[in-house]
N, C-alpha and C. Protein backbone atom coordinates (compact mmCIF):
# COMPACT_ATOMS: atom_id res chain seq x y z
N UNK A 1 80.84 45.75 -89.34
CA UNK A 1 81.73 46.70 -88.73
C UNK A 1 81.59 46.61 -87.21
N UNK A 2 82.70 46.54 -86.54
CA UNK A 2 82.70 46.39 -85.09
C UNK A 2 82.37 47.72 -84.41
N UNK A 3 81.60 47.61 -83.37
CA UNK A 3 81.23 48.80 -82.61
C UNK A 3 82.22 48.99 -81.47
N UNK A 4 82.71 50.19 -81.29
CA UNK A 4 83.65 50.43 -80.21
C UNK A 4 82.89 50.73 -78.93
N UNK A 5 83.47 50.32 -77.83
CA UNK A 5 82.83 50.56 -76.54
C UNK A 5 82.98 52.00 -76.13
N UNK A 6 81.95 52.48 -75.47
CA UNK A 6 82.01 53.83 -74.94
C UNK A 6 82.73 53.80 -73.60
N UNK A 7 83.60 54.75 -73.41
CA UNK A 7 84.32 54.86 -72.13
C UNK A 7 83.86 56.14 -71.45
N UNK A 8 83.51 55.99 -70.18
CA UNK A 8 83.01 57.12 -69.41
C UNK A 8 84.09 57.58 -68.44
N UNK A 9 84.19 58.87 -68.27
CA UNK A 9 85.18 59.40 -67.34
C UNK A 9 84.70 59.19 -65.91
N UNK A 10 85.61 59.30 -64.99
CA UNK A 10 85.27 59.14 -63.57
C UNK A 10 84.30 60.22 -63.13
N UNK A 11 84.44 61.41 -63.70
CA UNK A 11 83.53 62.52 -63.36
C UNK A 11 82.11 62.20 -63.79
N UNK A 12 81.96 61.66 -64.98
CA UNK A 12 80.64 61.31 -65.47
C UNK A 12 80.02 60.21 -64.62
N UNK A 13 80.83 59.21 -64.28
CA UNK A 13 80.34 58.13 -63.45
C UNK A 13 79.88 58.66 -62.09
N UNK A 14 80.63 59.58 -61.53
CA UNK A 14 80.26 60.16 -60.23
C UNK A 14 78.96 60.94 -60.33
N UNK A 15 78.81 61.73 -61.40
CA UNK A 15 77.58 62.49 -61.57
C UNK A 15 76.37 61.57 -61.69
N UNK A 16 76.53 60.51 -62.48
CA UNK A 16 75.44 59.56 -62.66
C UNK A 16 75.11 58.88 -61.34
N UNK A 17 76.14 58.48 -60.60
CA UNK A 17 75.92 57.80 -59.32
C UNK A 17 75.22 58.71 -58.32
N UNK A 18 75.62 59.97 -58.27
CA UNK A 18 74.98 60.92 -57.35
C UNK A 18 73.52 61.11 -57.72
N UNK A 19 73.27 61.24 -59.01
CA UNK A 19 71.90 61.40 -59.49
C UNK A 19 71.06 60.17 -59.14
N UNK A 20 71.66 58.99 -59.27
CA UNK A 20 70.94 57.76 -58.95
C UNK A 20 70.71 57.64 -57.44
N UNK A 21 71.66 58.08 -56.64
CA UNK A 21 71.49 58.01 -55.18
C UNK A 21 70.40 58.96 -54.69
N UNK A 22 70.21 60.06 -55.41
CA UNK A 22 69.15 61.00 -55.03
C UNK A 22 67.76 60.41 -55.22
N UNK A 23 67.63 59.50 -56.19
CA UNK A 23 66.39 58.79 -56.50
C UNK A 23 65.24 59.72 -56.85
N UNK A 24 65.53 60.82 -57.51
CA UNK A 24 64.48 61.72 -58.00
C UNK A 24 63.95 61.27 -59.34
N UNK A 25 64.78 60.56 -60.10
CA UNK A 25 64.42 60.04 -61.41
C UNK A 25 64.63 58.54 -61.41
N UNK A 26 64.00 57.88 -62.37
CA UNK A 26 64.21 56.44 -62.49
C UNK A 26 65.57 56.18 -63.12
N UNK A 27 66.01 54.94 -63.00
CA UNK A 27 67.30 54.55 -63.56
C UNK A 27 67.29 54.73 -65.07
N UNK A 28 66.17 54.40 -65.70
CA UNK A 28 66.06 54.55 -67.15
C UNK A 28 66.15 56.02 -67.56
N UNK A 29 65.52 56.90 -66.81
CA UNK A 29 65.57 58.33 -67.13
C UNK A 29 67.01 58.86 -66.99
N UNK A 30 67.70 58.44 -65.95
CA UNK A 30 69.08 58.88 -65.75
C UNK A 30 69.96 58.35 -66.88
N UNK A 31 69.74 57.10 -67.25
CA UNK A 31 70.51 56.51 -68.33
C UNK A 31 70.32 57.23 -69.65
N UNK A 32 69.09 57.61 -69.94
CA UNK A 32 68.85 58.32 -71.20
C UNK A 32 69.39 59.75 -71.14
N UNK A 33 69.36 60.36 -69.98
CA UNK A 33 69.88 61.71 -69.83
C UNK A 33 71.39 61.75 -70.06
N UNK A 34 72.11 60.78 -69.50
CA UNK A 34 73.57 60.75 -69.62
C UNK A 34 74.04 59.85 -70.75
N UNK A 35 73.12 59.28 -71.50
CA UNK A 35 73.41 58.42 -72.64
C UNK A 35 74.27 57.22 -72.26
N UNK A 36 73.82 56.52 -71.23
CA UNK A 36 74.47 55.28 -70.83
C UNK A 36 73.39 54.28 -70.46
N UNK A 37 73.75 53.04 -70.36
CA UNK A 37 72.78 52.00 -70.07
C UNK A 37 72.32 52.01 -68.62
N UNK A 38 71.14 51.47 -68.41
CA UNK A 38 70.60 51.43 -67.05
C UNK A 38 71.40 50.48 -66.17
N UNK A 39 72.02 49.46 -66.78
CA UNK A 39 72.87 48.55 -66.00
C UNK A 39 74.09 49.31 -65.46
N UNK A 40 74.64 50.19 -66.28
CA UNK A 40 75.77 51.00 -65.82
C UNK A 40 75.36 51.91 -64.68
N UNK A 41 74.20 52.51 -64.80
CA UNK A 41 73.71 53.41 -63.75
C UNK A 41 73.58 52.65 -62.44
N UNK A 42 72.98 51.47 -62.49
CA UNK A 42 72.81 50.67 -61.27
C UNK A 42 74.14 50.26 -60.68
N UNK A 43 75.07 49.87 -61.55
CA UNK A 43 76.40 49.43 -61.08
C UNK A 43 77.15 50.58 -60.43
N UNK A 44 77.13 51.75 -61.04
CA UNK A 44 77.83 52.91 -60.50
C UNK A 44 77.19 53.37 -59.20
N UNK A 45 75.87 53.27 -59.11
CA UNK A 45 75.17 53.63 -57.87
C UNK A 45 75.61 52.70 -56.74
N UNK A 46 75.67 51.42 -57.04
CA UNK A 46 76.08 50.44 -56.03
C UNK A 46 77.52 50.67 -55.60
N UNK A 47 78.41 50.95 -56.55
CA UNK A 47 79.81 51.20 -56.23
C UNK A 47 79.95 52.45 -55.35
N UNK A 48 79.17 53.47 -55.64
CA UNK A 48 79.22 54.70 -54.85
C UNK A 48 78.72 54.45 -53.43
N UNK A 49 77.64 53.71 -53.32
CA UNK A 49 77.08 53.43 -52.00
C UNK A 49 78.04 52.61 -51.15
N UNK A 50 78.78 51.70 -51.77
CA UNK A 50 79.74 50.89 -51.03
C UNK A 50 80.98 51.69 -50.66
N UNK A 51 81.36 52.65 -51.48
CA UNK A 51 82.59 53.40 -51.24
C UNK A 51 82.43 54.59 -50.33
N UNK A 52 81.20 55.04 -50.10
CA UNK A 52 80.98 56.23 -49.27
C UNK A 52 81.46 56.10 -47.83
N UNK A 53 81.25 54.98 -47.16
CA UNK A 53 81.73 54.89 -45.78
C UNK A 53 83.24 55.09 -45.65
N UNK A 54 84.00 54.65 -46.65
CA UNK A 54 85.44 54.82 -46.60
C UNK A 54 85.85 56.28 -46.69
N UNK A 55 85.05 57.08 -47.34
CA UNK A 55 85.37 58.50 -47.46
C UNK A 55 85.33 59.21 -46.11
N UNK A 56 84.45 58.75 -45.25
CA UNK A 56 84.28 59.41 -43.97
C UNK A 56 85.13 58.80 -42.86
N UNK A 57 85.89 57.78 -43.20
CA UNK A 57 86.82 57.21 -42.24
C UNK A 57 88.04 58.11 -42.16
N UNK A 58 88.54 58.32 -40.98
CA UNK A 58 89.70 59.18 -40.85
C UNK A 58 90.94 58.47 -41.39
N UNK A 59 91.89 59.25 -41.83
CA UNK A 59 93.13 58.68 -42.36
C UNK A 59 93.87 57.91 -41.29
N UNK A 60 93.74 58.36 -40.06
CA UNK A 60 94.41 57.68 -38.95
C UNK A 60 93.88 56.26 -38.79
N UNK A 61 92.57 56.10 -38.84
CA UNK A 61 92.01 54.77 -38.64
C UNK A 61 92.36 53.84 -39.80
N UNK A 62 92.45 54.37 -41.03
CA UNK A 62 92.86 53.55 -42.16
C UNK A 62 94.31 53.10 -41.98
N UNK A 63 95.16 53.99 -41.51
CA UNK A 63 96.55 53.64 -41.26
C UNK A 63 96.69 52.67 -40.10
N UNK A 64 95.83 52.85 -39.10
CA UNK A 64 95.87 51.96 -37.94
C UNK A 64 95.53 50.53 -38.33
N UNK A 65 94.61 50.35 -39.26
CA UNK A 65 94.24 49.01 -39.68
C UNK A 65 95.44 48.31 -40.33
N UNK A 66 96.16 49.02 -41.17
CA UNK A 66 97.33 48.44 -41.83
C UNK A 66 98.41 48.11 -40.81
N UNK A 67 98.62 49.02 -39.86
CA UNK A 67 99.63 48.80 -38.83
C UNK A 67 99.26 47.61 -37.96
N UNK A 68 98.01 47.52 -37.56
CA UNK A 68 97.55 46.42 -36.72
C UNK A 68 97.75 45.09 -37.44
N UNK A 69 97.41 45.06 -38.72
CA UNK A 69 97.55 43.83 -39.49
C UNK A 69 99.01 43.39 -39.56
N UNK A 70 99.90 44.32 -39.81
CA UNK A 70 101.32 43.96 -39.90
C UNK A 70 101.86 43.53 -38.53
N UNK A 71 101.39 44.16 -37.46
CA UNK A 71 101.84 43.77 -36.13
C UNK A 71 101.38 42.37 -35.77
N UNK A 72 100.14 42.03 -36.09
CA UNK A 72 99.65 40.68 -35.82
C UNK A 72 100.45 39.65 -36.62
N UNK A 73 100.82 40.00 -37.83
CA UNK A 73 101.63 39.10 -38.64
C UNK A 73 102.99 38.88 -38.00
N UNK A 74 103.59 39.95 -37.51
CA UNK A 74 104.90 39.85 -36.87
C UNK A 74 104.81 39.04 -35.57
N UNK A 75 103.75 39.23 -34.81
CA UNK A 75 103.56 38.47 -33.56
C UNK A 75 103.47 36.98 -33.87
N UNK A 76 102.74 36.65 -34.92
CA UNK A 76 102.61 35.24 -35.31
C UNK A 76 103.95 34.62 -35.66
N UNK A 77 104.75 35.36 -36.43
CA UNK A 77 106.07 34.85 -36.80
C UNK A 77 106.95 34.66 -35.57
N UNK A 78 106.94 35.64 -34.66
CA UNK A 78 107.77 35.55 -33.46
C UNK A 78 107.34 34.40 -32.56
N UNK A 79 106.04 34.15 -32.46
CA UNK A 79 105.57 33.03 -31.65
C UNK A 79 106.01 31.70 -32.25
N UNK A 80 105.99 31.60 -33.57
CA UNK A 80 106.45 30.37 -34.21
C UNK A 80 107.94 30.17 -33.97
N UNK A 81 108.73 31.23 -34.05
CA UNK A 81 110.17 31.13 -33.81
C UNK A 81 110.44 30.73 -32.36
N UNK A 82 109.70 31.30 -31.44
CA UNK A 82 109.87 30.98 -30.02
C UNK A 82 109.54 29.51 -29.75
N UNK A 83 108.46 29.05 -30.34
CA UNK A 83 108.08 27.65 -30.16
C UNK A 83 109.15 26.73 -30.74
N UNK A 84 109.73 27.09 -31.85
CA UNK A 84 110.78 26.29 -32.49
C UNK A 84 112.03 26.26 -31.61
N UNK A 85 112.38 27.41 -31.03
CA UNK A 85 113.56 27.49 -30.16
C UNK A 85 113.34 26.67 -28.89
N UNK A 86 112.14 26.70 -28.31
CA UNK A 86 111.86 25.94 -27.10
C UNK A 86 111.95 24.45 -27.33
N UNK A 87 111.63 23.99 -28.55
CA UNK A 87 111.71 22.56 -28.86
C UNK A 87 113.17 22.09 -28.85
N UNK A 88 114.07 22.95 -29.26
CA UNK A 88 115.49 22.57 -29.29
C UNK A 88 116.04 22.78 -27.91
């Protein structure tokens, strides 16, 4: 008989990650408390640690990065068109 995979909600993953980031308990203890594997605990902890800096970035700076990228792309296209026109 095939075993079905357990699916964890985002809330559960966040709770586990916060608990792991606190480092008051071992990964194995957290895994047994929330009934998930220690590999999952480590993975969720790593994902949380990588995602935290983005939470504290202002919305303006995130939008500025997208705008800057699109502007550089447009500048590149315009420079290529100008160079093509100068050749003719």
